[in-house]
């Protein structure tokens, strides 16, 4: 994983969205990934990578 502390917020969001799509996640509950907050994306990313 890249050093996320140095990345601007939009780049972080795009990173998490791209990584989630790579593992087959396109939605969380009834929301598309692009509708989620950065915190929601990060939580889902860590959940999927565990």
C-alpha atoms as a PDB file:
ATOM      1  CA  UNK A   1       0.000   0.000   0.000  1.00  0.00           C
ATOM      2  CA  UNK A   2       1.214   3.491  -0.805  1.00  0.00           C
ATOM      3  CA  UNK A   3       2.000   6.062   1.892  1.00  0.00           C
ATOM      4  CA  UNK A   4      -1.546   7.348   2.274  1.00  0.00           C
ATOM      5  CA  UNK A   5      -0.625  10.150   4.671  1.00  0.00           C
ATOM      6  CA  UNK A   6       0.954  12.149   1.871  1.00  0.00           C
ATOM      7  CA  UNK A   7      -1.841  11.720  -0.652  1.00  0.00           C
ATOM      8  CA  UNK A   8      -4.536  14.390  -1.134  1.00  0.00           C
ATOM      9  CA  UNK A   9      -8.076  13.331  -0.243  1.00  0.00           C
ATOM     10  CA  UNK A  10      -9.304  12.829  -3.820  1.00  0.00           C
ATOM     11  CA  UNK A  11      -6.298  10.639  -4.620  1.00  0.00           C
ATOM     12  CA  UNK A  12      -6.951   8.576  -1.489  1.00  0.00           C
ATOM     13  CA  UNK A  13     -10.594   8.105  -2.488  1.00  0.00           C
ATOM     14  CA  UNK A  14      -9.564   7.056  -6.000  1.00  0.00           C
ATOM     15  CA  UNK A  15      -6.944   4.666  -4.605  1.00  0.00           C
ATOM     16  CA  UNK A  16      -9.479   2.911  -2.359  1.00  0.00           C
ATOM     17  CA  UNK A  17     -12.111   2.783  -5.117  1.00  0.00           C
ATOM     18  CA  UNK A  18      -9.619   1.279  -7.584  1.00  0.00           C
ATOM     19  CA  UNK A  19      -8.380  -1.291  -5.088  1.00  0.00           C
ATOM     20  CA  UNK A  20     -11.921  -2.311  -4.119  1.00  0.00           C
ATOM     21  CA  UNK A  21     -12.909  -2.713  -7.766  1.00  0.00           C
ATOM     22  CA  UNK A  22      -9.849  -4.946  -8.300  1.00  0.00           C
ATOM     23  CA  UNK A  23     -11.199  -7.372  -5.680  1.00  0.00           C
ATOM     24  CA  UNK A  24     -14.743  -7.255  -7.089  1.00  0.00           C
ATOM     25  CA  UNK A  25     -16.403  -4.730  -4.779  1.00  0.00           C
ATOM     26  CA  UNK A  26     -18.596  -2.278  -6.689  1.00  0.00           C
ATOM     27  CA  UNK A  27     -21.168  -1.291  -4.059  1.00  0.00           C
ATOM     28  CA  UNK A  28     -21.537  -1.181  -0.298  1.00  0.00           C
ATOM     29  CA  UNK A  29     -25.101  -1.895   0.711  1.00  0.00           C
ATOM     30  CA  UNK A  30     -27.118   0.250  -1.716  1.00  0.00           C
ATOM     31  CA  UNK A  31     -24.433   2.839  -2.520  1.00  0.00           C
ATOM     32  CA  UNK A  32     -21.897   2.878  -5.323  1.00  0.00           C
ATOM     33  CA  UNK A  33     -18.287   3.320  -4.230  1.00  0.00           C
ATOM     34  CA  UNK A  34     -18.086   6.876  -5.559  1.00  0.00           C
ATOM     35  CA  UNK A  35     -20.966   7.824  -3.222  1.00  0.00           C
ATOM     36  CA  UNK A  36     -19.118   6.692  -0.086  1.00  0.00           C
ATOM     37  CA  UNK A  37     -17.078   8.896   2.214  1.00  0.00           C
ATOM     38  CA  UNK A  38     -13.333   8.495   2.493  1.00  0.00           C
ATOM     39  CA  UNK A  39     -13.800   6.859   5.902  1.00  0.00           C
ATOM     40  CA  UNK A  40     -16.339   4.376   4.512  1.00  0.00           C
ATOM     41  CA  UNK A  41     -14.031   3.511   1.619  1.00  0.00           C
ATOM     42  CA  UNK A  42     -11.075   3.020   3.943  1.00  0.00           C
ATOM     43  CA  UNK A  43     -13.102   0.779   6.290  1.00  0.00           C
ATOM     44  CA  UNK A  44     -14.349  -1.346   3.394  1.00  0.00           C
ATOM     45  CA  UNK A  45     -10.824  -1.583   1.963  1.00  0.00           C
ATOM     46  CA  UNK A  46      -9.380  -2.852   5.244  1.00  0.00           C
ATOM     47  CA  UNK A  47     -12.308  -5.251   5.675  1.00  0.00           C
ATOM     48  CA  UNK A  48     -11.735  -6.721   2.204  1.00  0.00           C
ATOM     49  CA  UNK A  49      -7.964  -6.963   2.608  1.00  0.00           C
ATOM     50  CA  UNK A  50      -8.151  -8.739   5.989  1.00  0.00           C
END
